[in-house]
Amino acid sequence: MIIIKSKKNIFLYVFFFSTLILQAQASSFLKKSDTLHTKRRNAIIITKSVLTTGTLLALDQLWYKDYERSSFHFTNDNAEWKQMDKVGHLMTSYHLGKLGMEALDWAGISKKNQLIYGATYGFAFLTAVEVLDGFSKEWGASPGDILANAAGTGLLVGQEILWNEQRITLKYSFHQTNFAKQRPNTLGENFIQQTLKDYNGQTYWISANI
């Protein structure tokens, strides 16, 4: 998935940070349940279903409809962006899955189901976006992106299976560059767009507490 226009960026940005804010509010003000809390579980299912469906429908109707449709196809974009977009996919899949897992933990869901239905959330959502790309003549589904999505989920699930905790996490930082001023349509017209589109200013960190 190569994101080159602001509208699509905005939808994904709002989706990710809405999910982040909801989880942060829940963890800050409400104590985790030691047993299954059905009201919390149902609230999580409804909230994420609405956010996910709404975001995918918005992308389909307000973004992809402006471009010619095609039969489903793949495209190889591994040589583009010097793999920075792949690292972004890996990190997004990891953190969305982590949020999904922690939300189910907050509701008292068993560890097994946290890994099955929560930790895989990032991979499922981002793969759904790849499917939309696959039906667009302009792009096409990217096997490299799907592999990066799977790697992010694998990093999350693997650590839970090995250590029952996240000892290695992924972090992100950004600084503005002069390149965006030269190509604002590609690298972003404002700070928010540039945080997603200007790879020159992005740094991805592998963080471990030694």
N, C-alpha and C. Protein backbone atom coordinates (compact mmCIF):
# COMPACT_ATOMS: atom_id res chain seq x y z
N MET A 1 0.85 -1.18 0.00
CA MET A 1 0.00 0.00 0.00
C MET A 1 0.89 1.23 0.00
N ILE A 2 0.81 2.06 -1.02
CA ILE A 2 1.57 3.29 -1.08
C ILE A 2 0.60 4.44 -0.89
N ILE A 3 0.74 5.17 0.20
CA ILE A 3 -0.18 6.27 0.48
C ILE A 3 0.43 7.56 -0.03
N ILE A 4 -0.19 8.19 -1.03
CA ILE A 4 0.40 9.37 -1.62
C ILE A 4 -0.53 10.57 -1.61
N LYS A 5 -1.74 10.43 -1.08
CA LYS A 5 -2.68 11.53 -1.05
C LYS A 5 -3.14 11.78 0.38
N SER A 6 -3.52 13.00 0.66
CA SER A 6 -3.81 13.39 2.04
C SER A 6 -5.09 12.76 2.57
N LYS A 7 -6.12 12.61 1.73
CA LYS A 7 -7.41 12.13 2.23
C LYS A 7 -7.29 10.74 2.83
N LYS A 8 -6.61 9.84 2.15
CA LYS A 8 -6.45 8.48 2.65
C LYS A 8 -5.62 8.49 3.94
N ASN A 9 -4.58 9.30 3.97
CA ASN A 9 -3.78 9.44 5.19
C ASN A 9 -4.63 9.84 6.37
N ILE A 10 -5.49 10.82 6.16
CA ILE A 10 -6.30 11.35 7.25
C ILE A 10 -7.20 10.27 7.83
N PHE A 11 -7.84 9.46 6.99
CA PHE A 11 -8.72 8.40 7.48
C PHE A 11 -7.95 7.40 8.34
N LEU A 12 -6.79 6.96 7.86
CA LEU A 12 -6.01 5.99 8.61
C LEU A 12 -5.46 6.61 9.89
N TYR A 13 -5.07 7.87 9.81
CA TYR A 13 -4.56 8.58 10.99
C TYR A 13 -5.64 8.68 12.06
N VAL A 14 -6.84 9.10 11.66
CA VAL A 14 -7.95 9.23 12.61
C VAL A 14 -8.32 7.88 13.20
N PHE A 15 -8.34 6.84 12.36
CA PHE A 15 -8.68 5.50 12.85
C PHE A 15 -7.69 5.04 13.91
N PHE A 16 -6.40 5.15 13.61
CA PHE A 16 -5.38 4.64 14.53
C PHE A 16 -5.41 5.39 15.85
N PHE A 17 -5.48 6.71 15.79
CA PHE A 17 -5.41 7.46 17.02
C PHE A 17 -6.73 7.47 17.79
N SER A 18 -7.85 7.27 17.11
CA SER A 18 -9.11 7.09 17.83
C SER A 18 -9.05 5.81 18.66
N THR A 19 -8.52 4.75 18.05
CA THR A 19 -8.36 3.50 18.78
C THR A 19 -7.41 3.67 19.95
N LEU A 20 -6.32 4.39 19.71
CA LEU A 20 -5.33 4.63 20.76
C LEU A 20 -5.93 5.41 21.93
N ILE A 21 -6.69 6.45 21.63
CA ILE A 21 -7.29 7.29 22.67
C ILE A 21 -8.30 6.50 23.49
N LEU A 22 -9.13 5.72 22.81
CA LEU A 22 -10.13 4.92 23.52
C LEU A 22 -9.47 3.94 24.48
N GLN A 23 -8.40 3.30 24.03
CA GLN A 23 -7.71 2.35 24.89
C GLN A 23 -7.02 3.06 26.04
N ALA A 24 -6.43 4.22 25.78
CA ALA A 24 -5.74 4.96 26.83
C ALA A 24 -6.72 5.41 27.91
N GLN A 25 -7.90 5.85 27.48
CA GLN A 25 -8.91 6.28 28.45
C GLN A 25 -9.37 5.10 29.30
N ALA A 26 -9.56 3.96 28.67
CA ALA A 26 -10.02 2.79 29.41
C ALA A 26 -8.98 2.35 30.44
N SER A 27 -7.70 2.31 30.02
CA SER A 27 -6.67 1.85 30.93
C SER A 27 -6.38 2.85 32.04
N SER A 28 -6.66 4.13 31.80
CA SER A 28 -6.36 5.15 32.80
C SER A 28 -7.42 5.23 33.89
N PHE A 29 -8.68 5.01 33.52
CA PHE A 29 -9.76 5.27 34.46
C PHE A 29 -10.47 4.01 34.97
N LEU A 30 -10.28 2.89 34.30
CA LEU A 30 -11.01 1.69 34.69
C LEU A 30 -10.04 0.55 34.99
N LYS A 31 -10.26 -0.11 36.09
CA LYS A 31 -9.41 -1.22 36.52
C LYS A 31 -9.69 -2.46 35.67
N LYS A 32 -8.65 -3.19 35.35
CA LYS A 32 -8.79 -4.41 34.57
C LYS A 32 -9.61 -5.44 35.33
N SER A 33 -10.44 -6.16 34.59
CA SER A 33 -11.28 -7.18 35.20
C SER A 33 -10.52 -8.51 35.27
N ASP A 34 -10.61 -9.19 36.42
CA ASP A 34 -9.94 -10.48 36.59
C ASP A 34 -10.74 -11.62 35.99
N THR A 35 -12.02 -11.38 35.76
CA THR A 35 -12.89 -12.38 35.12
C THR A 35 -13.61 -11.73 33.94
N LEU A 36 -14.26 -12.54 33.14
CA LEU A 36 -14.94 -12.02 31.96
C LEU A 36 -15.97 -10.97 32.34
N HIS A 37 -15.82 -9.78 31.77
CA HIS A 37 -16.75 -8.67 31.99
C HIS A 37 -17.51 -8.48 30.68
N THR A 38 -18.72 -9.02 30.62
CA THR A 38 -19.44 -9.07 29.34
C THR A 38 -19.78 -7.68 28.79
N LYS A 39 -20.08 -6.74 29.67
CA LYS A 39 -20.41 -5.39 29.18
C LYS A 39 -19.20 -4.74 28.52
N ARG A 40 -18.04 -4.93 29.14
CA ARG A 40 -16.82 -4.38 28.55
C ARG A 40 -16.50 -5.07 27.22
N ARG A 41 -16.64 -6.41 27.22
CA ARG A 41 -16.37 -7.16 26.00
C ARG A 41 -17.28 -6.68 24.87
N ASN A 42 -18.57 -6.53 25.16
CA ASN A 42 -19.51 -6.09 24.14
C ASN A 42 -19.22 -4.67 23.68
N ALA A 43 -18.81 -3.81 24.63
CA ALA A 43 -18.48 -2.43 24.26
C ALA A 43 -17.28 -2.39 23.33
N ILE A 44 -16.29 -3.26 23.60
CA ILE A 44 -15.10 -3.32 22.75
C ILE A 44 -15.47 -3.80 21.36
N ILE A 45 -16.29 -4.86 21.30
CA ILE A 45 -16.69 -5.41 20.00
C ILE A 45 -17.44 -4.36 19.17
N ILE A 46 -18.38 -3.68 19.81
CA ILE A 46 -19.18 -2.68 19.09
C ILE A 46 -18.31 -1.51 18.64
N THR A 47 -17.48 -1.00 19.55
CA THR A 47 -16.65 0.16 19.23
C THR A 47 -15.69 -0.14 18.09
N LYS A 48 -15.00 -1.26 18.16
CA LYS A 48 -14.03 -1.58 17.12
C LYS A 48 -14.71 -1.94 15.81
N SER A 49 -15.88 -2.55 15.89
CA SER A 49 -16.62 -2.87 14.67
C SER A 49 -17.05 -1.59 13.96
N VAL A 50 -17.54 -0.62 14.73
CA VAL A 50 -17.98 0.65 14.15
C VAL A 50 -16.79 1.40 13.55
N LEU A 51 -15.68 1.48 14.31
CA LEU A 51 -14.50 2.19 13.83
C LEU A 51 -13.93 1.53 12.57
N THR A 52 -13.81 0.21 12.60
CA THR A 52 -13.24 -0.51 11.47
C THR A 52 -14.12 -0.41 10.24
N THR A 53 -15.40 -0.71 10.40
CA THR A 53 -16.32 -0.66 9.26
C THR A 53 -16.43 0.75 8.71
N GLY A 54 -16.55 1.73 9.61
CA GLY A 54 -16.67 3.11 9.18
C GLY A 54 -15.45 3.58 8.41
N THR A 55 -14.27 3.22 8.89
CA THR A 55 -13.03 3.63 8.21
C THR A 55 -12.91 2.99 6.84
N LEU A 56 -13.20 1.68 6.75
CA LEU A 56 -13.09 0.99 5.46
C LEU A 56 -14.13 1.50 4.46
N LEU A 57 -15.35 1.76 4.93
CA LEU A 57 -16.38 2.31 4.04
C LEU A 57 -16.01 3.72 3.58
N ALA A 58 -15.46 4.50 4.50
CA ALA A 58 -15.07 5.86 4.14
C ALA A 58 -13.95 5.84 3.10
N LEU A 59 -12.98 4.96 3.31
CA LEU A 59 -11.91 4.83 2.33
C LEU A 59 -12.44 4.41 0.97
N ASP A 60 -13.36 3.44 0.98
CA ASP A 60 -13.90 2.92 -0.27
C ASP A 60 -14.71 3.97 -1.02
N GLN A 61 -15.53 4.73 -0.29
CA GLN A 61 -16.44 5.68 -0.93
C GLN A 61 -15.82 7.06 -1.18
N LEU A 62 -14.91 7.48 -0.32
CA LEU A 62 -14.37 8.83 -0.43
C LEU A 62 -12.95 8.87 -0.98
N TRP A 63 -12.33 7.72 -1.12
CA TRP A 63 -10.98 7.69 -1.67
C TRP A 63 -10.92 6.87 -2.94
N TYR A 64 -11.23 5.58 -2.85
CA TYR A 64 -11.04 4.70 -4.00
C TYR A 64 -12.00 4.98 -5.15
N LYS A 65 -13.16 5.55 -4.86
CA LYS A 65 -14.12 5.81 -5.93
C LYS A 65 -13.61 6.86 -6.92
N ASP A 66 -12.62 7.64 -6.51
CA ASP A 66 -12.04 8.64 -7.39
C ASP A 66 -11.05 8.05 -8.38
N TYR A 67 -10.77 6.75 -8.24
CA TYR A 67 -9.80 6.09 -9.12
C TYR A 67 -10.45 4.89 -9.79
N GLU A 68 -9.95 4.57 -10.96
CA GLU A 68 -10.53 3.48 -11.75
C GLU A 68 -10.39 2.15 -11.03
N ARG A 69 -11.49 1.38 -11.01
CA ARG A 69 -11.47 0.06 -10.38
C ARG A 69 -10.93 -0.97 -11.36
N SER A 70 -10.57 -2.13 -10.83
CA SER A 70 -10.07 -3.21 -11.67
C SER A 70 -10.35 -4.53 -10.98
N SER A 71 -10.04 -5.62 -11.66
CA SER A 71 -10.11 -6.91 -11.00
C SER A 71 -8.98 -6.98 -9.98
N PHE A 72 -9.15 -7.84 -8.99
CA PHE A 72 -8.14 -7.91 -7.92
C PHE A 72 -6.80 -8.33 -8.49
N HIS A 73 -5.75 -7.60 -8.09
CA HIS A 73 -4.40 -7.92 -8.57
C HIS A 73 -3.37 -7.49 -7.54
N PHE A 74 -2.18 -8.06 -7.66
CA PHE A 74 -1.06 -7.72 -6.79
C PHE A 74 -0.08 -6.82 -7.53
N THR A 75 0.70 -6.09 -6.78
CA THR A 75 1.77 -5.29 -7.35
C THR A 75 3.00 -5.38 -6.45
N ASN A 76 4.16 -5.36 -7.06
CA ASN A 76 5.41 -5.45 -6.29
C ASN A 76 5.98 -4.04 -6.12
N ASP A 77 5.87 -3.51 -4.90
CA ASP A 77 6.39 -2.17 -4.63
C ASP A 77 7.58 -2.22 -3.67
N ASN A 78 8.23 -3.37 -3.60
CA ASN A 78 9.31 -3.53 -2.62
C ASN A 78 10.51 -2.63 -2.91
N ALA A 79 10.65 -2.16 -4.14
CA ALA A 79 11.80 -1.32 -4.48
C ALA A 79 11.53 0.16 -4.19
N GLU A 80 10.33 0.50 -3.77
CA GLU A 80 9.97 1.90 -3.56
C GLU A 80 10.15 2.31 -2.10
N TRP A 81 10.42 3.58 -1.89
CA TRP A 81 10.51 4.20 -0.55
C TRP A 81 11.59 3.59 0.33
N LYS A 82 12.53 2.84 -0.27
CA LYS A 82 13.64 2.24 0.47
C LYS A 82 13.17 1.46 1.70
N GLN A 83 12.04 0.79 1.55
CA GLN A 83 11.46 -0.09 2.58
C GLN A 83 10.89 0.64 3.79
N MET A 84 10.91 1.96 3.79
CA MET A 84 10.40 2.70 4.95
C MET A 84 8.90 2.46 5.14
N ASP A 85 8.16 2.33 4.05
CA ASP A 85 6.73 2.06 4.19
C ASP A 85 6.48 0.70 4.81
N LYS A 86 7.37 -0.25 4.56
CA LYS A 86 7.23 -1.59 5.13
C LYS A 86 7.44 -1.55 6.65
N VAL A 87 8.40 -0.74 7.09
CA VAL A 87 8.62 -0.60 8.53
C VAL A 87 7.39 0.05 9.17
N GLY A 88 6.79 1.00 8.48
CA GLY A 88 5.57 1.62 8.98
C GLY A 88 4.43 0.62 9.12
N HIS A 89 4.31 -0.28 8.15
CA HIS A 89 3.29 -1.34 8.23
C HIS A 89 3.56 -2.25 9.42
N LEU A 90 4.81 -2.64 9.59
CA LEU A 90 5.18 -3.53 10.69
C LEU A 90 4.81 -2.89 12.03
N MET A 91 5.16 -1.62 12.19
CA MET A 91 4.91 -0.95 13.46
C MET A 91 3.41 -0.75 13.70
N THR A 92 2.68 -0.36 12.66
CA THR A 92 1.25 -0.14 12.82
C THR A 92 0.53 -1.43 13.17
N SER A 93 0.90 -2.52 12.49
CA SER A 93 0.30 -3.82 12.79
C SER A 93 0.59 -4.23 14.23
N TYR A 94 1.83 -4.01 14.66
CA TYR A 94 2.22 -4.36 16.03
C TYR A 94 1.38 -3.59 17.06
N HIS A 95 1.28 -2.28 16.89
CA HIS A 95 0.62 -1.47 17.90
C HIS A 95 -0.91 -1.60 17.87
N LEU A 96 -1.49 -1.75 16.69
CA LEU A 96 -2.94 -1.99 16.65
C LEU A 96 -3.26 -3.34 17.29
N GLY A 97 -2.43 -4.34 17.04
CA GLY A 97 -2.63 -5.64 17.67
C GLY A 97 -2.45 -5.56 19.18
N LYS A 98 -1.47 -4.77 19.61
CA LYS A 98 -1.23 -4.61 21.05
C LYS A 98 -2.42 -3.93 21.72
N LEU A 99 -2.97 -2.92 21.06
CA LEU A 99 -4.16 -2.26 21.59
C LEU A 99 -5.34 -3.22 21.67
N GLY A 100 -5.50 -4.02 20.61
CA GLY A 100 -6.59 -4.99 20.60
C GLY A 100 -6.44 -6.02 21.70
N MET A 101 -5.23 -6.48 21.92
CA MET A 101 -4.97 -7.46 22.97
C MET A 101 -5.22 -6.87 24.36
N GLU A 102 -4.72 -5.65 24.58
CA GLU A 102 -4.88 -5.01 25.88
C GLU A 102 -6.34 -4.68 26.17
N ALA A 103 -7.09 -4.33 25.13
CA ALA A 103 -8.51 -4.05 25.32
C ALA A 103 -9.25 -5.30 25.80
N LEU A 104 -8.94 -6.45 25.20
CA LEU A 104 -9.58 -7.69 25.62
C LEU A 104 -9.11 -8.11 27.01
N ASP A 105 -7.86 -7.83 27.33
CA ASP A 105 -7.35 -8.11 28.67
C ASP A 105 -8.12 -7.28 29.70
N TRP A 106 -8.38 -6.03 29.38
CA TRP A 106 -9.16 -5.14 30.25
C TRP A 106 -10.56 -5.68 30.51
N ALA A 107 -11.10 -6.41 29.52
CA ALA A 107 -12.43 -6.99 29.65
C ALA A 107 -12.41 -8.38 30.28
N GLY A 108 -11.23 -8.86 30.68
CA GLY A 108 -11.16 -10.15 31.34
C GLY A 108 -11.19 -11.34 30.39
N ILE A 109 -10.88 -11.12 29.11
CA ILE A 109 -10.84 -12.20 28.13
C ILE A 109 -9.62 -13.08 28.40
N SER A 110 -9.74 -14.37 28.15
CA SER A 110 -8.62 -15.30 28.38
C SER A 110 -7.44 -14.95 27.49
N LYS A 111 -6.25 -15.33 27.95
CA LYS A 111 -5.03 -15.01 27.21
C LYS A 111 -5.06 -15.61 25.80
N LYS A 112 -5.56 -16.81 25.68
CA LYS A 112 -5.63 -17.47 24.38
C LYS A 112 -6.47 -16.64 23.41
N ASN A 113 -7.64 -16.19 23.86
CA ASN A 113 -8.51 -15.41 22.99
C ASN A 113 -7.97 -14.00 22.75
N GLN A 114 -7.20 -13.48 23.71
CA GLN A 114 -6.54 -12.19 23.47
C GLN A 114 -5.61 -12.29 22.27
N LEU A 115 -4.87 -13.39 22.20
CA LEU A 115 -3.93 -13.57 21.10
C LEU A 115 -4.64 -13.85 19.78
N ILE A 116 -5.74 -14.59 19.85
CA ILE A 116 -6.45 -14.96 18.62
C ILE A 116 -7.24 -13.78 18.06
N TYR A 117 -7.98 -13.09 18.92
CA TYR A 117 -8.91 -12.06 18.44
C TYR A 117 -8.41 -10.63 18.65
N GLY A 118 -7.44 -10.45 19.53
CA GLY A 118 -6.95 -9.10 19.80
C GLY A 118 -5.63 -8.79 19.12
N ALA A 119 -4.65 -9.67 19.32
CA ALA A 119 -3.32 -9.42 18.79
C ALA A 119 -3.28 -9.43 17.27
N THR A 120 -4.22 -10.11 16.64
CA THR A 120 -4.26 -10.19 15.18
C THR A 120 -5.05 -9.05 14.55
N TYR A 121 -5.55 -8.14 15.37
CA TYR A 121 -6.41 -7.07 14.88
C TYR A 121 -5.69 -6.16 13.87
N GLY A 122 -4.43 -5.81 14.16
CA GLY A 122 -3.68 -4.95 13.25
C GLY A 122 -3.50 -5.60 11.89
N PHE A 123 -3.14 -6.88 11.90
CA PHE A 123 -2.96 -7.60 10.63
C PHE A 123 -4.27 -7.65 9.85
N ALA A 124 -5.38 -7.93 10.54
CA ALA A 124 -6.67 -8.05 9.87
C ALA A 124 -7.10 -6.72 9.24
N PHE A 125 -6.96 -5.63 9.99
CA PHE A 125 -7.38 -4.33 9.47
C PHE A 125 -6.53 -3.90 8.28
N LEU A 126 -5.20 -3.99 8.44
CA LEU A 126 -4.32 -3.53 7.37
C LEU A 126 -4.43 -4.41 6.13
N THR A 127 -4.70 -5.70 6.32
CA THR A 127 -4.90 -6.58 5.17
C THR A 127 -6.19 -6.22 4.44
N ALA A 128 -7.22 -5.80 5.18
CA ALA A 128 -8.46 -5.36 4.55
C ALA A 128 -8.21 -4.14 3.67
N VAL A 129 -7.34 -3.24 4.13
CA VAL A 129 -6.98 -2.08 3.31
C VAL A 129 -6.23 -2.53 2.06
N GLU A 130 -5.38 -3.55 2.20
CA GLU A 130 -4.67 -4.08 1.04
C GLU A 130 -5.64 -4.66 0.01
N VAL A 131 -6.71 -5.28 0.49
CA VAL A 131 -7.72 -5.81 -0.43
C VAL A 131 -8.35 -4.68 -1.23
N LEU A 132 -8.64 -3.57 -0.57
CA LEU A 132 -9.16 -2.40 -1.29
C LEU A 132 -8.16 -1.92 -2.33
N ASP A 133 -6.89 -1.88 -1.95
CA ASP A 133 -5.85 -1.51 -2.91
C ASP A 133 -5.84 -2.47 -4.10
N GLY A 134 -6.08 -3.75 -3.81
CA GLY A 134 -6.02 -4.77 -4.85
C GLY A 134 -7.07 -4.60 -5.93
N PHE A 135 -8.18 -3.95 -5.58
CA PHE A 135 -9.24 -3.72 -6.57
C PHE A 135 -9.12 -2.34 -7.24
N SER A 136 -8.04 -1.64 -6.96
CA SER A 136 -7.81 -0.33 -7.58
C SER A 136 -6.76 -0.46 -8.66
N LYS A 137 -7.08 0.01 -9.87
CA LYS A 137 -6.13 -0.06 -10.97
C LYS A 137 -4.89 0.77 -10.68
N GLU A 138 -5.05 1.80 -9.88
CA GLU A 138 -3.96 2.72 -9.56
C GLU A 138 -2.86 2.05 -8.72
N TRP A 139 -3.23 1.07 -7.88
CA TRP A 139 -2.28 0.48 -6.97
C TRP A 139 -2.16 -1.03 -7.14
N GLY A 140 -2.95 -1.78 -6.40
CA GLY A 140 -2.79 -3.23 -6.34
C GLY A 140 -2.32 -3.63 -4.95
N ALA A 141 -2.72 -4.79 -4.52
CA ALA A 141 -2.31 -5.29 -3.20
C ALA A 141 -0.82 -5.61 -3.21
N SER A 142 -0.15 -5.26 -2.13
CA SER A 142 1.29 -5.44 -2.06
C SER A 142 1.65 -6.64 -1.17
N PRO A 143 2.24 -7.69 -1.73
CA PRO A 143 2.68 -8.82 -0.90
C PRO A 143 3.69 -8.38 0.17
N GLY A 144 4.53 -7.40 -0.17
CA GLY A 144 5.49 -6.91 0.80
C GLY A 144 4.83 -6.26 1.99
N ASP A 145 3.75 -5.51 1.73
CA ASP A 145 3.01 -4.88 2.83
C ASP A 145 2.35 -5.93 3.71
N ILE A 146 1.76 -6.94 3.07
CA ILE A 146 1.09 -8.01 3.83
C ILE A 146 2.10 -8.75 4.69
N LEU A 147 3.29 -9.01 4.14
CA LEU A 147 4.34 -9.68 4.90
C LEU A 147 4.78 -8.82 6.09
N ALA A 148 4.88 -7.50 5.87
CA ALA A 148 5.26 -6.59 6.96
C ALA A 148 4.17 -6.57 8.04
N ASN A 149 2.91 -6.60 7.61
CA ASN A 149 1.81 -6.66 8.58
C ASN A 149 1.92 -7.93 9.44
N ALA A 150 2.21 -9.04 8.76
CA ALA A 150 2.34 -10.31 9.48
C ALA A 150 3.53 -10.29 10.43
N ALA A 151 4.62 -9.63 10.03
CA ALA A 151 5.81 -9.56 10.88
C ALA A 151 5.52 -8.77 12.16
N GLY A 152 4.75 -7.68 12.03
CA GLY A 152 4.39 -6.91 13.21
C GLY A 152 3.55 -7.71 14.18
N THR A 153 2.58 -8.45 13.64
CA THR A 153 1.76 -9.30 14.49
C THR A 153 2.58 -10.43 15.08
N GLY A 154 3.51 -10.98 14.29
CA GLY A 154 4.36 -12.06 14.78
C GLY A 154 5.26 -11.61 15.93
N LEU A 155 5.77 -10.38 15.84
CA LEU A 155 6.59 -9.85 16.92
C LEU A 155 5.80 -9.75 18.22
N LEU A 156 4.55 -9.32 18.10
CA LEU A 156 3.68 -9.18 19.27
C LEU A 156 3.33 -10.54 19.86
N VAL A 157 2.81 -11.43 19.04
CA VAL A 157 2.35 -12.74 19.52
C VAL A 157 3.52 -13.58 20.01
N GLY A 158 4.63 -13.52 19.28
CA GLY A 158 5.78 -14.33 19.65
C GLY A 158 6.29 -14.02 21.05
N GLN A 159 6.33 -12.75 21.40
CA GLN A 159 6.80 -12.37 22.73
C GLN A 159 5.82 -12.80 23.82
N GLU A 160 4.53 -12.72 23.52
CA GLU A 160 3.54 -13.17 24.51
C GLU A 160 3.67 -14.66 24.76
N ILE A 161 3.94 -15.41 23.71
CA ILE A 161 4.08 -16.86 23.85
C ILE A 161 5.37 -17.21 24.59
N LEU A 162 6.46 -16.50 24.26
CA LEU A 162 7.76 -16.79 24.87
C LEU A 162 7.85 -16.30 26.32
N TRP A 163 7.42 -15.03 26.54
CA TRP A 163 7.69 -14.39 27.82
C TRP A 163 6.44 -13.91 28.57
N ASN A 164 5.28 -13.99 27.91
CA ASN A 164 4.05 -13.50 28.50
C ASN A 164 4.11 -11.99 28.79
N GLU A 165 4.92 -11.29 28.02
CA GLU A 165 5.04 -9.84 28.14
C GLU A 165 5.79 -9.32 26.90
N GLN A 166 5.77 -8.00 26.73
CA GLN A 166 6.46 -7.38 25.61
C GLN A 166 7.79 -6.80 26.09
N ARG A 167 8.86 -7.54 25.85
CA ARG A 167 10.19 -7.08 26.26
C ARG A 167 10.83 -6.21 25.18
N ILE A 168 10.40 -6.38 23.94
CA ILE A 168 10.90 -5.59 22.82
C ILE A 168 9.72 -4.85 22.20
N THR A 169 9.79 -3.54 22.15
CA THR A 169 8.71 -2.75 21.57
C THR A 169 9.24 -1.89 20.43
N LEU A 170 8.32 -1.41 19.62
CA LEU A 170 8.66 -0.54 18.50
C LEU A 170 8.21 0.88 18.81
N LYS A 171 9.08 1.82 18.54
CA LYS A 171 8.77 3.22 18.79
C LYS A 171 9.06 4.06 17.54
N TYR A 172 8.51 5.25 17.54
CA TYR A 172 8.57 6.11 16.35
C TYR A 172 8.83 7.55 16.78
N SER A 173 9.66 8.24 16.03
CA SER A 173 9.84 9.67 16.24
C SER A 173 9.90 10.36 14.88
N PHE A 174 9.67 11.67 14.90
CA PHE A 174 9.62 12.41 13.62
C PHE A 174 10.14 13.82 13.80
N HIS A 175 10.86 14.28 12.80
CA HIS A 175 11.24 15.69 12.73
C HIS A 175 10.98 16.19 11.31
N GLN A 176 10.55 17.44 11.20
CA GLN A 176 10.25 18.01 9.89
C GLN A 176 11.54 18.23 9.09
N THR A 177 11.44 18.05 7.78
CA THR A 177 12.57 18.25 6.88
C THR A 177 12.23 19.27 5.81
N ASN A 178 13.25 19.72 5.11
CA ASN A 178 13.04 20.68 4.02
C ASN A 178 12.54 20.01 2.75
N PHE A 179 12.61 18.69 2.69
CA PHE A 179 12.17 17.99 1.49
C PHE A 179 10.67 18.13 1.25
N ALA A 180 9.91 18.21 2.34
CA ALA A 180 8.45 18.32 2.20
C ALA A 180 8.06 19.62 1.49
N LYS A 181 8.82 20.67 1.69
CA LYS A 181 8.53 21.94 1.02
C LYS A 181 8.75 21.83 -0.49
N GLN A 182 9.65 20.95 -0.89
CA GLN A 182 9.94 20.77 -2.30
C GLN A 182 8.89 19.90 -3.00
N ARG A 183 8.31 18.95 -2.27
CA ARG A 183 7.32 18.04 -2.85
C ARG A 183 6.15 17.84 -1.88
N PRO A 184 5.39 18.90 -1.61
CA PRO A 184 4.31 18.80 -0.62
C PRO A 184 3.22 17.81 -0.99
N ASN A 185 2.95 17.63 -2.29
CA ASN A 185 1.90 16.69 -2.69
C ASN A 185 2.26 15.25 -2.35
N THR A 186 3.56 14.96 -2.36
CA THR A 186 4.02 13.60 -2.07
C THR A 186 4.39 13.43 -0.60
N LEU A 187 5.01 14.45 0.00
CA LEU A 187 5.56 14.31 1.34
C LEU A 187 4.73 15.00 2.41
N GLY A 188 3.65 15.68 2.03
CA GLY A 188 2.77 16.27 3.02
C GLY A 188 2.78 17.79 3.00
N GLU A 189 1.59 18.35 3.14
CA GLU A 189 1.44 19.81 3.09
C GLU A 189 1.46 20.44 4.48
N ASN A 190 1.30 19.63 5.53
CA ASN A 190 1.32 20.16 6.89
C ASN A 190 1.97 19.11 7.80
N PHE A 191 2.11 19.48 9.07
CA PHE A 191 2.85 18.62 10.00
C PHE A 191 2.23 17.23 10.12
N ILE A 192 0.90 17.17 10.27
CA ILE A 192 0.23 15.88 10.45
C ILE A 192 0.45 14.98 9.25
N GLN A 193 0.28 15.52 8.04
CA GLN A 193 0.50 14.73 6.84
C GLN A 193 1.96 14.28 6.74
N GLN A 194 2.88 15.16 7.09
CA GLN A 194 4.29 14.84 6.97
C GLN A 194 4.71 13.73 7.94
N THR A 195 4.07 13.67 9.10
CA THR A 195 4.42 12.61 10.05
C THR A 195 4.18 11.22 9.46
N LEU A 196 3.25 11.13 8.50
CA LEU A 196 2.95 9.85 7.85
C LEU A 196 3.65 9.68 6.51
N LYS A 197 3.88 10.79 5.79
CA LYS A 197 4.30 10.69 4.40
C LYS A 197 5.77 11.01 4.15
N ASP A 198 6.36 11.84 5.00
CA ASP A 198 7.75 12.22 4.78
C ASP A 198 8.68 11.25 5.50
N TYR A 199 9.09 10.20 4.80
CA TYR A 199 9.95 9.19 5.40
C TYR A 199 11.32 9.75 5.77
N ASN A 200 11.72 10.87 5.14
CA ASN A 200 13.02 11.45 5.45
C ASN A 200 13.13 11.89 6.91
N GLY A 201 11.99 12.23 7.52
CA GLY A 201 12.01 12.71 8.89
C GLY A 201 11.60 11.68 9.92
N GLN A 202 11.35 10.45 9.47
CA GLN A 202 10.89 9.41 10.38
C GLN A 202 12.05 8.57 10.91
N THR A 203 11.96 8.20 12.17
CA THR A 203 12.91 7.26 12.77
C THR A 203 12.11 6.20 13.51
N TYR A 204 12.43 4.94 13.25
CA TYR A 204 11.78 3.82 13.93
C TYR A 204 12.81 3.16 14.86
N TRP A 205 12.35 2.90 16.08
CA TRP A 205 13.24 2.40 17.12
C TRP A 205 12.81 1.01 17.59
N ILE A 206 13.79 0.14 17.81
CA ILE A 206 13.55 -1.10 18.53
C ILE A 206 14.00 -0.86 19.95
N SER A 207 13.06 -0.92 20.89
CA SER A 207 13.32 -0.53 22.26
C SER A 207 13.21 -1.73 23.20
N ALA A 208 14.21 -1.88 24.05
CA ALA A 208 14.19 -2.95 25.05
C ALA A 208 14.73 -2.42 26.37
N ASN A 209 14.09 -2.79 27.46
CA ASN A 209 14.53 -2.38 28.79
C ASN A 209 15.65 -3.32 29.25
N ILE A 210 16.88 -2.83 29.25
CA ILE A 210 18.00 -3.71 29.58
C ILE A 210 18.16 -3.91 31.08
